[in-house]
Amino acid sequence: MNVTPQPVTPEPRDRRRRRGLLVMLLGLAVLTTGAGVFSLAIFTSSQTSTGAFTTGTIILGVSPSTMFSVTGILPGDSGSQTVTVSNTGTGQLRYAMSSVSTNTDTKNLRSQLQMTIKTGACAGTTSLYSGALNGAAFGDPTQGAQAGDRTLASGANEQLCFAWSLPLATTDTFQGATTTATFTFAAEQTQNNP
């Protein structure tokens, strides 16, 4: 007798396990493919904008640079010089002036010489200073607006009259005396600087 072997049918539990594993693998494949599709389909855009910055300038000019070079002065002599103060910077400025005078020969000519400073070309109009050469000043170089400070807009200028005199009552003690004065003009911006 011939016995034919019967095919073995898998148990239902193994079949379910295979199906579950197959479904899980197919689900993972779909998720992975979907994630790849999403990362490749993002729309993007970008733009740039630039900014350029340039600072302003405060440029004070004084002309002439040498106001006086006087020799042989005698009691009663006097002289004057018109000085132009200018603002060639881009911002409005405010300025003050101070001075220093030498006394190397100890004769103190700097205290004997008289100086007046007025607005306008010589002879001038409004007085800014009148007194001894060694105290010649107007305004205050301290930062901020001070009494006596002068203001110039960008591109503007003004004239000042510097006049000196040696009083007629000057005594013999000043013969051969000498002094040198340095006038310092100091400017600062007015904007954001009350």
Protein backbone atom coordinates (compact mmCIF):
# COMPACT_ATOMS: atom_id res chain seq x y z
CA MET A 1 0.00 0.00 0.00
CA ASN A 2 1.14 3.24 -0.93
CA VAL A 3 0.71 5.98 1.53
CA THR A 4 0.78 9.47 0.15
CA PRO A 5 1.96 12.00 2.59
CA GLN A 6 -0.54 14.66 3.32
CA PRO A 7 0.54 18.30 3.08
CA VAL A 8 0.96 19.88 6.43
CA THR A 9 -1.16 22.94 6.84
CA PRO A 10 0.31 25.63 9.00
CA GLU A 11 -1.35 26.27 12.19
CA PRO A 12 -3.58 29.33 12.27
CA ARG A 13 -1.45 30.96 14.96
CA ASP A 14 1.69 30.98 12.77
CA ARG A 15 -0.29 32.39 9.91
CA ARG A 16 -1.54 35.25 12.00
CA ARG A 17 1.94 35.98 13.22
CA ARG A 18 3.26 36.13 9.66
CA ARG A 19 0.43 38.37 8.57
CA GLY A 20 1.01 40.70 11.54
CA LEU A 21 4.72 40.87 10.80
CA LEU A 22 4.01 41.55 7.12
CA VAL A 23 1.50 44.30 7.97
CA MET A 24 3.96 45.87 10.39
CA LEU A 25 6.76 45.86 7.80
CA LEU A 26 4.47 47.37 5.16
CA GLY A 27 3.33 50.07 7.65
CA LEU A 28 6.92 51.01 8.48
CA ALA A 29 7.78 51.18 4.80
CA VAL A 30 4.84 53.53 4.14
CA LEU A 31 5.77 55.78 7.12
CA THR A 32 9.41 55.97 6.06
CA THR A 33 8.46 56.80 2.49
CA GLY A 34 5.97 59.44 3.70
CA ALA A 35 8.58 61.10 5.93
CA GLY A 36 10.95 61.28 3.01
CA VAL A 37 8.28 62.82 0.82
CA PHE A 38 7.52 65.48 3.46
CA SER A 39 11.18 66.48 3.91
CA LEU A 40 11.67 66.89 0.18
CA ALA A 41 8.54 68.99 -0.40
CA ILE A 42 9.21 72.01 1.89
CA PHE A 43 8.84 75.42 0.19
CA THR A 44 11.35 78.05 1.30
CA SER A 45 12.12 81.71 0.62
CA SER A 46 14.63 84.25 1.90
CA GLN A 47 15.40 87.91 1.32
CA THR A 48 18.16 90.27 2.52
CA SER A 49 18.12 93.91 3.46
CA THR A 50 21.18 96.07 4.08
CA GLY A 51 21.89 99.12 6.21
CA ALA A 52 24.59 101.72 5.56
CA PHE A 53 25.72 104.14 8.27
CA THR A 54 27.93 107.23 8.11
CA THR A 55 28.71 109.48 11.05
CA GLY A 56 28.49 113.24 10.88
CA THR A 57 31.40 115.61 11.44
CA ILE A 58 32.16 118.63 13.59
CA ILE A 59 34.91 120.65 11.87
CA LEU A 60 35.75 124.08 13.24
CA GLY A 61 37.99 126.37 11.20
CA VAL A 62 39.74 129.60 12.27
CA SER A 63 41.35 131.96 9.78
CA PRO A 64 43.94 133.42 9.84
CA SER A 65 45.88 130.95 11.97
CA THR A 66 48.25 133.73 13.11
CA MET A 67 46.26 136.74 14.31
CA PHE A 68 49.06 139.04 15.36
CA SER A 69 52.81 139.36 15.00
CA VAL A 70 53.53 142.85 16.29
CA THR A 71 56.91 144.31 17.27
CA GLY A 72 58.06 147.72 18.47
CA ILE A 73 54.84 148.48 20.36
CA LEU A 74 54.83 151.80 22.24
CA PRO A 75 52.31 153.11 24.80
CA GLY A 76 49.14 154.24 23.02
CA ASP A 77 49.56 151.78 20.09
CA SER A 78 46.68 149.53 19.07
CA GLY A 79 45.68 147.15 16.31
CA SER A 80 42.97 144.76 15.27
CA GLN A 81 42.37 141.64 13.21
CA THR A 82 39.15 140.20 11.79
CA VAL A 83 39.03 136.45 12.37
CA THR A 84 36.64 134.14 10.52
CA VAL A 85 35.32 131.14 12.45
CA SER A 86 33.72 128.49 10.21
CA ASN A 87 31.88 125.18 10.47
CA THR A 88 32.74 122.94 7.51
CA GLY A 89 31.33 119.84 9.20
CA THR A 90 27.93 118.23 8.66
CA GLY A 91 26.46 118.98 12.10
CA GLN A 92 25.65 122.18 13.93
CA LEU A 93 28.33 123.08 16.48
CA ARG A 94 28.78 125.28 19.51
CA TYR A 95 32.18 126.76 20.36
CA ALA A 96 34.01 128.66 23.05
CA MET A 97 37.43 130.33 23.15
CA SER A 98 40.10 130.44 25.83
CA SER A 99 43.64 131.81 25.80
CA VAL A 100 47.02 131.36 27.43
CA SER A 101 49.75 134.03 27.44
CA THR A 102 53.43 133.63 28.31
CA ASN A 103 55.43 135.66 30.86
CA THR A 104 58.96 134.31 30.34
CA ASP A 105 60.68 137.67 30.99
CA THR A 106 58.62 138.23 34.18
CA LYS A 107 57.68 141.76 33.04
CA ASN A 108 54.01 140.69 32.78
CA LEU A 109 53.17 142.36 29.45
CA ARG A 110 50.28 139.89 29.15
CA SER A 111 48.49 141.70 32.00
CA GLN A 112 49.24 145.19 30.59
CA LEU A 113 48.04 144.61 27.01
CA GLN A 114 44.29 145.12 26.65
CA MET A 115 42.14 142.91 24.40
CA THR A 116 38.58 143.28 23.16
CA ILE A 117 36.70 140.65 21.19
CA LYS A 118 33.50 141.63 19.38
CA THR A 119 31.17 139.96 16.90
CA GLY A 120 31.44 141.07 13.28
CA ALA A 121 34.28 142.42 11.19
CA CYS A 122 36.49 145.04 12.85
CA ALA A 123 35.34 147.42 14.46
CA GLY A 124 32.80 144.83 15.57
CA THR A 125 29.41 145.19 17.21
CA THR A 126 28.57 143.09 20.29
CA SER A 127 31.31 142.70 22.88
CA LEU A 128 32.27 139.14 23.85
CA TYR A 129 35.32 140.06 25.97
CA SER A 130 37.09 143.19 27.22
CA GLY A 131 40.08 143.11 29.57
CA ALA A 132 43.69 142.02 29.92
CA LEU A 133 45.20 139.79 27.22
CA ASN A 134 45.93 136.99 29.69
CA GLY A 135 42.22 136.51 30.48
CA ALA A 136 40.83 136.66 26.94
CA ALA A 137 37.98 134.16 26.65
CA PHE A 138 34.30 133.73 25.91
CA GLY A 139 31.93 130.84 26.42
CA ASP A 140 32.99 127.72 28.26
CA PRO A 141 34.63 124.64 26.70
CA THR A 142 32.91 122.38 29.27
CA GLN A 143 30.57 119.92 27.53
CA GLY A 144 27.02 121.18 27.09
CA ALA A 145 25.51 124.61 26.52
CA GLN A 146 27.20 127.30 28.62
CA ALA A 147 26.73 131.06 28.86
CA GLY A 148 28.66 132.85 26.11
CA ASP A 149 29.03 129.83 23.80
CA ARG A 150 28.67 130.64 20.09
CA THR A 151 26.63 128.44 17.70
CA LEU A 152 27.30 127.81 14.01
CA ALA A 153 25.13 125.78 11.63
CA SER A 154 26.74 123.36 9.18
CA GLY A 155 28.38 125.35 6.37
CA ALA A 156 28.10 128.66 8.24
CA ASN A 157 30.78 131.09 9.41
CA GLU A 158 31.03 134.28 11.42
CA GLN A 159 33.55 137.03 11.86
CA LEU A 160 35.02 138.20 15.15
CA CYS A 161 37.08 141.34 15.74
CA PHE A 162 40.15 140.89 17.97
CA ALA A 163 41.54 144.30 18.97
CA TRP A 164 44.54 145.01 21.21
CA SER A 165 45.95 148.14 22.77
CA LEU A 166 48.86 149.14 25.02
CA PRO A 167 47.55 151.86 27.37
CA LEU A 168 49.16 155.30 27.08
CA ALA A 169 49.86 155.16 30.84
CA THR A 170 52.18 152.11 30.44
CA THR A 171 55.41 152.71 32.44
CA ASP A 172 59.08 152.19 31.61
CA THR A 173 59.06 148.80 33.39
CA PHE A 174 57.46 147.29 30.27
CA GLN A 175 60.20 148.39 27.84
CA GLY A 176 61.48 145.41 25.86
CA ALA A 177 58.76 143.15 27.31
CA THR A 178 57.41 140.27 25.27
CA THR A 179 54.51 137.83 25.44
CA THR A 180 52.96 135.24 23.16
CA ALA A 181 49.24 134.48 23.28
CA THR A 182 47.60 131.26 22.11
CA PHE A 183 43.86 131.46 21.43
CA THR A 184 42.13 128.05 21.58
CA PHE A 185 38.73 127.58 19.95
CA ALA A 186 36.95 124.43 21.17
CA ALA A 187 33.83 123.08 19.42
CA GLU A 188 31.28 120.36 20.15
CA GLN A 189 28.08 119.09 18.56
CA THR A 190 24.80 120.67 19.64
CA GLN A 191 22.55 117.77 18.64
CA ASN A 192 21.87 115.43 21.58
CA ASN A 193 24.12 117.64 23.72
CA PRO A 194 21.98 120.09 25.69
